[in-house]
PDB file of N, CA and C in Angstrom:
ATOM      1  N   UNK A   1       0.841  -1.160   0.000  1.00  0.00           N
ATOM      2  CA  UNK A   1       0.000   0.000   0.000  1.00  0.00           C
ATOM      3  C   UNK A   1       0.895   1.233   0.000  1.00  0.00           C
ATOM      4  N   UNK A   2       0.559   2.175  -0.831  1.00  0.00           N
ATOM      5  CA  UNK A   2       1.369   3.377  -0.955  1.00  0.00           C
ATOM      6  C   UNK A   2       0.567   4.587  -0.519  1.00  0.00           C
ATOM      7  N   UNK A   3       1.250   5.535   0.096  1.00  0.00           N
ATOM      8  CA  UNK A   3       0.600   6.779   0.490  1.00  0.00           C
ATOM      9  C   UNK A   3       0.879   7.878  -0.517  1.00  0.00           C
ATOM     10  N   UNK A   4       1.609   7.551  -1.567  1.00  0.00           N
ATOM     11  CA  UNK A   4       1.932   8.565  -2.573  1.00  0.00           C
ATOM     12  C   UNK A   4       0.713   8.817  -3.448  1.00  0.00           C
ATOM     13  N   UNK A   5       0.651  10.018  -3.989  1.00  0.00           N
ATOM     14  CA  UNK A   5      -0.459  10.369  -4.853  1.00  0.00           C
ATOM     15  C   UNK A   5      -0.307   9.810  -6.259  1.00  0.00           C
ATOM     16  N   UNK A   6       0.909   9.453  -6.611  1.00  0.00           N
ATOM     17  CA  UNK A   6       1.163   8.921  -7.950  1.00  0.00           C
ATOM     18  C   UNK A   6       0.705   7.465  -8.030  1.00  0.00           C
ATOM     19  N   UNK A   7       0.687   6.935  -9.223  1.00  0.00           N
ATOM     20  CA  UNK A   7       0.333   5.540  -9.441  1.00  0.00           C
ATOM     21  C   UNK A   7       1.608   4.706  -9.437  1.00  0.00           C
ATOM     22  N   UNK A   8       2.026   4.162  -8.312  1.00  0.00           N
ATOM     23  CA  UNK A   8       3.277   3.407  -8.276  1.00  0.00           C
ATOM     24  C   UNK A   8       3.123   2.053  -8.967  1.00  0.00           C
ATOM     25  N   UNK A   9       4.232   1.563  -9.490  1.00  0.00           N
ATOM     26  CA  UNK A   9       4.231   0.255 -10.135  1.00  0.00           C
ATOM     27  C   UNK A   9       4.062  -0.836  -9.082  1.00  0.00           C
ATOM     28  N   UNK A  10       3.179  -1.761  -9.324  1.00  0.00           N
ATOM     29  CA  UNK A  10       3.031  -2.925  -8.468  1.00  0.00           C
ATOM     30  C   UNK A  10       2.979  -4.156  -9.366  1.00  0.00           C
ATOM     31  N   UNK A  11       3.561  -5.227  -8.899  1.00  0.00           N
ATOM     32  CA  UNK A  11       3.624  -6.442  -9.684  1.00  0.00           C
ATOM     33  C   UNK A  11       2.889  -7.566  -8.973  1.00  0.00           C
ATOM     34  N   UNK A  12       2.217  -8.398  -9.744  1.00  0.00           N
ATOM     35  CA  UNK A  12       1.568  -9.570  -9.159  1.00  0.00           C
ATOM     36  C   UNK A  12       2.364 -10.833  -9.491  1.00  0.00           C
ATOM     37  N   UNK A  13       3.585 -10.657 -10.010  1.00  0.00           N
ATOM     38  CA  UNK A  13       4.441 -11.783 -10.358  1.00  0.00           C
ATOM     39  C   UNK A  13       5.412 -12.026  -9.199  1.00  0.00           C
ATOM     40  N   UNK A  14       5.454 -13.247  -8.661  1.00  0.00           N
ATOM     41  CA  UNK A  14       6.350 -13.511  -7.535  1.00  0.00           C
ATOM     42  C   UNK A  14       7.808 -13.565  -7.985  1.00  0.00           C
ATOM     43  N   UNK A  15       8.738 -13.423  -7.050  1.00  0.00           N
ATOM     44  CA  UNK A  15      10.156 -13.603  -7.388  1.00  0.00           C
ATOM     45  C   UNK A  15      10.386 -15.019  -7.924  1.00  0.00           C
ATOM     46  N   UNK A  16      11.397 -15.193  -8.773  1.00  0.00           N
ATOM     47  CA  UNK A  16      11.651 -16.487  -9.400  1.00  0.00           C
ATOM     48  C   UNK A  16      11.750 -17.643  -8.409  1.00  0.00           C
ATOM     49  N   UNK A  17      12.488 -17.507  -7.300  1.00  0.00           N
ATOM     50  CA  UNK A  17      12.574 -18.652  -6.374  1.00  0.00           C
ATOM     51  C   UNK A  17      11.214 -19.071  -5.809  1.00  0.00           C
ATOM     52  N   UNK A  18      10.380 -18.106  -5.512  1.00  0.00           N
ATOM     53  CA  UNK A  18       9.041 -18.402  -4.979  1.00  0.00           C
ATOM     54  C   UNK A  18       8.187 -19.060  -6.061  1.00  0.00           C
ATOM     55  N   UNK A  19       8.253 -18.542  -7.270  1.00  0.00           N
ATOM     56  CA  UNK A  19       7.490 -19.103  -8.384  1.00  0.00           C
ATOM     57  C   UNK A  19       7.914 -20.537  -8.671  1.00  0.00           C
ATOM     58  N   UNK A  20       9.220 -20.780  -8.658  1.00  0.00           N
ATOM     59  CA  UNK A  20       9.738 -22.118  -8.926  1.00  0.00           C
ATOM     60  C   UNK A  20       9.275 -23.110  -7.856  1.00  0.00           C
ATOM     61  N   UNK A  21       9.328 -22.708  -6.607  1.00  0.00           N
ATOM     62  CA  UNK A  21       8.866 -23.580  -5.521  1.00  0.00           C
ATOM     63  C   UNK A  21       7.375 -23.888  -5.679  1.00  0.00           C
ATOM     64  N   UNK A  22       6.613 -22.890  -6.069  1.00  0.00           N
ATOM     65  CA  UNK A  22       5.166 -23.079  -6.244  1.00  0.00           C
ATOM     66  C   UNK A  22       4.876 -24.029  -7.407  1.00  0.00           C
ATOM     67  N   UNK A  23       5.611 -23.907  -8.502  1.00  0.00           N
ATOM     68  CA  UNK A  23       5.438 -24.847  -9.615  1.00  0.00           C
ATOM     69  C   UNK A  23       5.652 -26.279  -9.147  1.00  0.00           C
ATOM     70  N   UNK A  24       6.729 -26.500  -8.402  1.00  0.00           N
ATOM     71  CA  UNK A  24       7.045 -27.852  -7.933  1.00  0.00           C
ATOM     72  C   UNK A  24       5.996 -28.369  -6.952  1.00  0.00           C
ATOM     73  N   UNK A  25       5.513 -27.510  -6.073  1.00  0.00           N
ATOM     74  CA  UNK A  25       4.489 -27.931  -5.109  1.00  0.00           C
ATOM     75  C   UNK A  25       3.185 -28.319  -5.807  1.00  0.00           C
ATOM     76  N   UNK A  26       2.887 -27.665  -6.923  1.00  0.00           N
ATOM     77  CA  UNK A  26       1.643 -27.941  -7.650  1.00  0.00           C
ATOM     78  C   UNK A  26       1.776 -29.075  -8.660  1.00  0.00           C
ATOM     79  N   UNK A  27       2.971 -29.666  -8.746  1.00  0.00           N
ATOM     80  CA  UNK A  27       3.156 -30.821  -9.612  1.00  0.00           C
ATOM     81  C   UNK A  27       3.583 -30.509 -11.034  1.00  0.00           C
ATOM     82  N   UNK A  28       3.970 -29.284 -11.307  1.00  0.00           N
ATOM     83  CA  UNK A  28       4.425 -28.900 -12.640  1.00  0.00           C
ATOM     84  C   UNK A  28       5.935 -29.126 -12.751  1.00  0.00           C
ATOM     85  N   UNK A  29       6.326 -30.382 -12.696  1.00  0.00           N
ATOM     86  CA  UNK A  29       7.749 -30.730 -12.672  1.00  0.00           C
ATOM     87  C   UNK A  29       8.457 -30.376 -13.975  1.00  0.00           C
ATOM     88  N   UNK A  30       7.833 -30.643 -15.110  1.00  0.00           N
ATOM     89  CA  UNK A  30       8.461 -30.342 -16.405  1.00  0.00           C
ATOM     90  C   UNK A  30       8.668 -28.834 -16.568  1.00  0.00           C
ATOM     91  N   UNK A  31       7.680 -28.056 -16.163  1.00  0.00           N
ATOM     92  CA  UNK A  31       7.789 -26.605 -16.273  1.00  0.00           C
ATOM     93  C   UNK A  31       8.846 -26.064 -15.307  1.00  0.00           C
ATOM     94  N   UNK A  32       8.897 -26.636 -14.106  1.00  0.00           N
ATOM     95  CA  UNK A  32       9.905 -26.220 -13.131  1.00  0.00           C
ATOM     96  C   UNK A  32      11.304 -26.536 -13.643  1.00  0.00           C
ATOM     97  N   UNK A  33      11.460 -27.681 -14.278  1.00  0.00           N
ATOM     98  CA  UNK A  33      12.767 -28.057 -14.829  1.00  0.00           C
ATOM     99  C   UNK A  33      13.174 -27.108 -15.952  1.00  0.00           C
ATOM    100  N   UNK A  34      12.221 -26.703 -16.776  1.00  0.00           N
ATOM    101  CA  UNK A  34      12.506 -25.761 -17.849  1.00  0.00           C
ATOM    102  C   UNK A  34      12.978 -24.421 -17.272  1.00  0.00           C
ATOM    103  N   UNK A  35      12.312 -23.943 -16.236  1.00  0.00           N
ATOM    104  CA  UNK A  35      12.717 -22.693 -15.599  1.00  0.00           C
ATOM    105  C   UNK A  35      14.121 -22.838 -15.020  1.00  0.00           C
ATOM    106  N   UNK A  36      14.386 -23.960 -14.347  1.00  0.00           N
ATOM    107  CA  UNK A  36      15.714 -24.188 -13.751  1.00  0.00           C
ATOM    108  C   UNK A  36      16.825 -24.165 -14.801  1.00  0.00           C
ATOM    109  N   UNK A  37      16.535 -24.647 -16.013  1.00  0.00           N
ATOM    110  CA  UNK A  37      17.540 -24.659 -17.079  1.00  0.00           C
ATOM    111  C   UNK A  37      17.983 -23.255 -17.472  1.00  0.00           C
ATOM    112  N   UNK A  38      17.114 -22.283 -17.288  1.00  0.00           N
ATOM    113  CA  UNK A  38      17.395 -20.918 -17.734  1.00  0.00           C
ATOM    114  C   UNK A  38      17.609 -19.939 -16.581  1.00  0.00           C
ATOM    115  N   UNK A  39      17.533 -20.422 -15.367  1.00  0.00           N
ATOM    116  CA  UNK A  39      17.677 -19.570 -14.190  1.00  0.00           C
ATOM    117  C   UNK A  39      19.044 -19.804 -13.560  1.00  0.00           C
ATOM    118  N   UNK A  40      19.769 -18.750 -13.193  1.00  0.00           N
ATOM    119  CA  UNK A  40      21.056 -18.957 -12.524  1.00  0.00           C
ATOM    120  C   UNK A  40      20.878 -19.725 -11.214  1.00  0.00           C
ATOM    121  N   UNK A  41      21.846 -20.534 -10.877  1.00  0.00           N
ATOM    122  CA  UNK A  41      21.751 -21.382  -9.671  1.00  0.00           C
ATOM    123  C   UNK A  41      21.459 -20.598  -8.401  1.00  0.00           C
ATOM    124  N   UNK A  42      21.972 -19.386  -8.293  1.00  0.00           N
ATOM    125  CA  UNK A  42      21.754 -18.634  -7.053  1.00  0.00           C
ATOM    126  C   UNK A  42      20.297 -18.231  -6.866  1.00  0.00           C
ATOM    127  N   UNK A  43      19.474 -18.334  -7.918  1.00  0.00           N
ATOM    128  CA  UNK A  43      18.047 -18.029  -7.795  1.00  0.00           C
ATOM    129  C   UNK A  43      17.183 -19.266  -7.589  1.00  0.00           C
ATOM    130  N   UNK A  44      17.800 -20.447  -7.521  1.00  0.00           N
ATOM    131  CA  UNK A  44      17.028 -21.648  -7.210  1.00  0.00           C
ATOM    132  C   UNK A  44      16.582 -21.556  -5.752  1.00  0.00           C
ATOM    133  N   UNK A  45      15.366 -22.014  -5.429  1.00  0.00           N
ATOM    134  CA  UNK A  45      14.848 -21.880  -4.067  1.00  0.00           C
ATOM    135  C   UNK A  45      15.783 -22.448  -3.005  1.00  0.00           C
ATOM    136  N   UNK A  46      16.399 -23.608  -3.273  1.00  0.00           N
ATOM    137  CA  UNK A  46      17.246 -24.217  -2.260  1.00  0.00           C
ATOM    138  C   UNK A  46      18.521 -23.399  -2.009  1.00  0.00           C
ATOM    139  N   UNK A  47      18.891 -22.526  -2.927  1.00  0.00           N
ATOM    140  CA  UNK A  47      20.056 -21.665  -2.740  1.00  0.00           C
ATOM    141  C   UNK A  47      19.681 -20.265  -2.285  1.00  0.00           C
ATOM    142  N   UNK A  48      18.497 -19.818  -2.667  1.00  0.00           N
ATOM    143  CA  UNK A  48      18.062 -18.453  -2.403  1.00  0.00           C
ATOM    144  C   UNK A  48      17.302 -18.307  -1.098  1.00  0.00           C
ATOM    145  N   UNK A  49      16.437 -19.263  -0.793  1.00  0.00           N
ATOM    146  CA  UNK A  49      15.538 -19.167   0.366  1.00  0.00           C
ATOM    147  C   UNK A  49      16.066 -19.980   1.538  1.00  0.00           C
ATOM    148  N   UNK A  50      17.211 -19.619   2.036  1.00  0.00           N
ATOM    149  CA  UNK A  50      17.795 -20.358   3.167  1.00  0.00           C
ATOM    150  C   UNK A  50      17.399 -19.739   4.462  1.00  0.00           C
TER     151      UNK A  50
END
C-alpha cells in the first residue's frame, strides 16, 4: 500500500525462487525443470531461500 499520490508500479508476479517452488508444489515438474535450465543457480529456491 502506498501513500503517494502517484500511481506506483506494483507487480503480481512472484520472485523467481518463490514461483519455482510453487510450480514444484503444484506438480508442474516439467515446467519447473525448464525454468531451472534458464535460471542462474543462485536463484534456485534451495540456494536463495535459506
